[in-house]
């Protein structure tokens, strides 16, 4: 699963990596948590890509209200196509979630230990996401969930699930809802590495670089 992640890449890096028309203004965030508003990439009307803000934790459009359902921040890729809360977004409302690392907790003899998982060179990447719009005549909330899959062997000792990371060559296909299964199966898990970090990451109010310390 994925319950916390980071995005410390600047706007110019995101512009280059995601081939955006302009550099977005993004806050440096070391500890992003469910229910917070985050940067999300969706296709624009002119076939370009645009950065928008959405709440992490999907609220189905048919929901009675915007509740804090933390169980909606992840969606299993194996069942998203049939689950009532996810099947319509999974069919036609894909997004990219920019990140440069995520956190997972391993249960060990001495207690739970937090790990930061990054690519080998700590580069920017994107989670596979789905989104929905909940609205009334007076309000609207855009929200998203991160798709997960079975953990790769090198990370399975930490947790049995992991977020799906979309390879750059599949960005356009994913955003246009094309070759969905090929996009989901082509993750970069062999290049991921895990490093133990401070237990400060446990508190979502801690949002500084010190959460990366051992």
Protein backbone atom coordinates (compact mmCIF):
# COMPACT_ATOMS: atom_id res chain seq x y z
CA UNK A 1 0.00 0.00 0.00
CA UNK A 2 1.01 3.64 0.13
CA UNK A 3 0.02 5.77 3.10
CA UNK A 4 2.63 8.54 2.88
CA UNK A 5 4.85 9.94 0.13
CA UNK A 6 7.06 12.92 -0.66
CA UNK A 7 7.37 15.46 -3.46
CA UNK A 8 10.39 17.73 -3.11
CA UNK A 9 11.05 18.27 -6.83
CA UNK A 10 10.75 21.88 -7.97
CA UNK A 11 8.48 23.21 -10.66
CA UNK A 12 11.16 23.24 -13.37
CA UNK A 13 11.97 19.57 -12.71
CA UNK A 14 8.30 18.66 -12.98
CA UNK A 15 7.95 20.69 -16.18
CA UNK A 16 10.81 18.79 -17.81
CA UNK A 17 9.95 15.33 -16.48
CA UNK A 18 6.24 15.47 -17.31
CA UNK A 19 6.58 17.62 -20.47
CA UNK A 20 4.38 20.39 -19.13
CA UNK A 21 3.80 23.67 -20.94
CA UNK A 22 4.90 25.71 -17.93
CA UNK A 23 6.56 25.15 -14.57
CA UNK A 24 3.94 24.64 -11.85
CA UNK A 25 4.18 26.23 -8.43
CA UNK A 26 4.52 23.33 -6.00
CA UNK A 27 5.27 23.25 -2.30
CA UNK A 28 8.23 21.19 -1.05
CA UNK A 29 6.60 18.38 0.90
CA UNK A 30 8.42 15.61 2.76
CA UNK A 31 5.42 13.94 4.37
CA UNK A 32 2.21 13.90 2.33
CA UNK A 33 -0.70 12.18 4.09
CA UNK A 34 -4.20 11.03 3.12
CA UNK A 35 -6.91 13.73 3.14
CA UNK A 36 -4.36 16.40 2.19
CA UNK A 37 -4.55 18.32 -1.09
CA UNK A 38 -1.80 17.25 -3.50
CA UNK A 39 -0.46 17.96 -6.99
CA UNK A 40 -1.99 15.72 -9.66
CA UNK A 41 -1.41 15.60 -13.42
CA UNK A 42 -4.32 15.18 -15.82
CA UNK A 43 -4.70 15.72 -19.57
CA UNK A 44 -5.71 19.21 -20.68
CA UNK A 45 -8.25 19.92 -23.41
CA UNK A 46 -5.51 20.73 -25.95
CA UNK A 47 -3.88 17.28 -25.45
CA UNK A 48 -1.24 18.80 -23.18
CA UNK A 49 -0.74 17.88 -19.53
CA UNK A 50 -1.71 20.10 -16.66
CA UNK A 51 -1.09 20.11 -12.91
CA UNK A 52 -4.11 20.51 -10.68
CA UNK A 53 -4.83 20.02 -6.99
CA UNK A 54 -6.88 17.15 -5.62
CA UNK A 55 -7.61 15.65 -2.24
CA UNK A 56 -5.88 12.33 -1.51
CA UNK A 57 -8.63 9.86 -0.70
CA UNK A 58 -11.16 9.18 -3.43
CA UNK A 59 -14.74 10.36 -2.89
CA UNK A 60 -17.05 8.61 -5.39
CA UNK A 61 -19.26 11.01 -7.31
CA UNK A 62 -22.34 9.16 -6.04
CA UNK A 63 -21.30 9.41 -2.39
CA UNK A 64 -23.72 11.13 0.01
CA UNK A 65 -20.98 13.40 1.29
CA UNK A 66 -17.24 14.12 1.49
CA UNK A 67 -16.29 11.93 4.44
CA UNK A 68 -12.78 11.11 5.66
CA UNK A 69 -12.70 7.55 4.37
CA UNK A 70 -9.01 6.79 4.67
CA UNK A 71 -9.61 3.36 3.12
CA UNK A 72 -10.12 5.15 -0.21
CA UNK A 73 -6.59 6.50 -0.52
CA UNK A 74 -5.40 3.28 -2.19
CA UNK A 75 -7.15 1.12 -4.80
CA UNK A 76 -6.11 -2.45 -5.57
CA UNK A 77 -5.31 -2.62 -9.28
CA UNK A 78 -6.48 -6.24 -9.40
CA UNK A 79 -10.05 -5.33 -8.38
CA UNK A 80 -10.45 -1.63 -9.22
CA UNK A 81 -12.30 -2.44 -12.45
CA UNK A 82 -15.16 -4.08 -10.54
CA UNK A 83 -15.28 -2.28 -7.19
CA UNK A 84 -18.23 0.17 -7.14
CA UNK A 85 -16.14 3.00 -5.71
CA UNK A 86 -13.37 2.68 -8.30
CA UNK A 87 -14.69 1.09 -11.48
CA UNK A 88 -15.84 4.25 -13.29
CA UNK A 89 -12.65 6.25 -12.53
CA UNK A 90 -10.56 3.18 -13.41
CA UNK A 91 -12.30 3.00 -16.79
CA UNK A 92 -11.92 6.60 -17.87
CA UNK A 93 -10.41 8.95 -15.27
CA UNK A 94 -6.69 8.30 -14.94
CA UNK A 95 -4.09 10.65 -13.48
CA UNK A 96 -0.40 10.78 -12.62
CA UNK A 97 0.69 11.49 -9.04
CA UNK A 98 4.14 13.15 -8.99
CA UNK A 99 6.47 11.90 -6.24
CA UNK A 100 10.11 11.29 -5.43
CA UNK A 101 9.63 8.67 -2.73
CA UNK A 102 7.09 6.95 -0.52
CA UNK A 103 7.06 5.48 2.99
CA UNK A 104 6.25 2.06 4.34
CA UNK A 105 6.40 0.47 7.76
CA UNK A 106 7.86 -2.96 8.52
CA UNK A 107 6.89 -4.91 11.62
CA UNK A 108 10.10 -6.16 13.22
CA UNK A 109 10.98 -7.74 16.56
CA UNK A 110 11.79 -4.35 18.07
CA UNK A 111 8.60 -2.77 16.74
CA UNK A 112 7.54 -0.99 13.59
CA UNK A 113 10.26 0.74 11.57
CA UNK A 114 9.68 3.30 8.84
CA UNK A 115 11.39 3.13 5.45
CA UNK A 116 11.62 5.60 2.60
CA UNK A 117 11.46 3.95 -0.80
CA UNK A 118 12.94 5.75 -3.77
CA UNK A 119 14.37 5.05 -7.19
CA UNK A 120 18.08 4.27 -7.31
CA UNK A 121 19.04 7.90 -7.98
CA UNK A 122 16.10 9.45 -6.06
CA UNK A 123 14.54 10.75 -9.25
CA UNK A 124 11.05 12.11 -9.80
CA UNK A 125 8.46 9.51 -10.82
CA UNK A 126 4.68 9.10 -10.95
CA UNK A 127 2.19 6.81 -9.26
CA UNK A 128 -0.73 5.47 -11.27
CA UNK A 129 -3.82 7.25 -10.02
CA UNK A 130 -7.55 7.44 -10.62
CA UNK A 131 -9.74 10.43 -9.78
CA UNK A 132 -13.36 11.43 -9.34
CA UNK A 133 -15.44 14.58 -8.84
CA UNK A 134 -17.97 14.88 -6.04
CA UNK A 135 -20.18 17.92 -6.40
CA UNK A 136 -23.32 19.69 -5.27
CA UNK A 137 -24.82 22.95 -6.53
CA UNK A 138 -22.68 24.75 -3.96
CA UNK A 139 -19.40 22.81 -3.85
CA UNK A 140 -17.11 20.42 -5.70
CA UNK A 141 -14.23 18.24 -4.56
CA UNK A 142 -11.74 16.56 -6.89
CA UNK A 143 -10.11 13.54 -5.24
CA UNK A 144 -7.84 10.65 -6.16
CA UNK A 145 -6.58 7.24 -5.14
CA UNK A 146 -3.21 5.58 -5.82
CA UNK A 147 -3.31 2.17 -7.46
CA UNK A 148 -1.39 -0.63 -5.75
CA UNK A 149 -0.14 -4.09 -6.63
CA UNK A 150 1.66 -7.01 -5.04
CA UNK A 151 5.05 -5.95 -3.74
CA UNK A 152 8.18 -6.81 -5.71
CA UNK A 153 10.44 -9.44 -4.07
CA UNK A 154 13.07 -6.97 -2.83
CA UNK A 155 10.43 -4.97 -0.92
CA UNK A 156 8.13 -7.77 0.20
CA UNK A 157 9.89 -8.06 3.56
CA UNK A 158 8.73 -4.53 4.35
CA UNK A 159 5.17 -4.82 3.06
CA UNK A 160 3.23 -7.17 0.78
CA UNK A 161 1.71 -4.30 -1.24
CA UNK A 162 3.24 -1.37 -3.09
CA UNK A 163 2.05 1.55 -5.23
CA UNK A 164 2.25 1.18 -8.99
CA UNK A 165 4.85 3.45 -10.57
CA UNK A 166 4.22 4.31 -14.21
CA UNK A 167 7.18 4.31 -16.56
CA UNK A 168 7.63 7.57 -18.48
CA UNK A 169 7.00 5.87 -21.82
CA UNK A 170 3.49 5.02 -20.61
CA UNK A 171 2.50 8.46 -19.29
CA UNK A 172 0.45 9.42 -22.34
CA UNK A 173 -1.20 6.01 -22.61
CA UNK A 174 -2.20 6.08 -18.97
CA UNK A 175 -3.64 9.60 -19.13
CA UNK A 176 -5.67 8.76 -22.23
CA UNK A 177 -6.92 5.46 -20.77
CA UNK A 178 -5.05 3.42 -23.38
CA UNK A 179 -3.29 0.07 -22.89
CA UNK A 180 -4.25 0.15 -19.22
CA UNK A 181 -2.96 -3.27 -18.24
CA UNK A 182 0.33 -2.75 -20.07
CA UNK A 183 0.83 0.53 -18.20
CA UNK A 184 0.12 -1.10 -14.85
CA UNK A 185 2.40 -4.07 -15.38
CA UNK A 186 5.36 -1.97 -16.54
CA UNK A 187 6.38 -0.53 -13.15
CA UNK A 188 9.97 0.25 -12.13
CA UNK A 189 10.08 -1.86 -8.98
CA UNK A 190 13.47 -3.48 -9.78
CA UNK A 191 15.14 -0.07 -9.42
CA UNK A 192 13.58 0.78 -6.05
CA UNK A 193 15.63 0.93 -2.87
CA UNK A 194 14.56 1.25 0.77
CA UNK A 195 16.30 3.25 3.51
CA UNK A 196 15.25 3.37 7.14
CA UNK A 197 14.11 6.82 8.29
CA UNK A 198 13.19 8.58 11.50
CA UNK A 199 9.97 7.76 13.33
CA UNK A 200 9.18 11.45 12.95
CA UNK A 201 7.51 10.40 9.70
CA UNK A 202 4.72 8.86 11.82
CA UNK A 203 3.35 12.32 12.60
CA UNK A 204 1.87 14.02 9.50
CA UNK A 205 2.62 17.43 11.04
CA UNK A 206 6.35 16.73 10.62
CA UNK A 207 7.10 17.97 7.12
CA UNK A 208 10.82 18.79 7.10
CA UNK A 209 13.94 17.07 5.74
CA UNK A 210 14.69 15.66 9.18
CA UNK A 211 12.09 12.93 8.62
CA UNK A 212 14.59 11.38 6.17
CA UNK A 213 17.26 10.97 8.84
CA UNK A 214 17.97 7.40 10.07
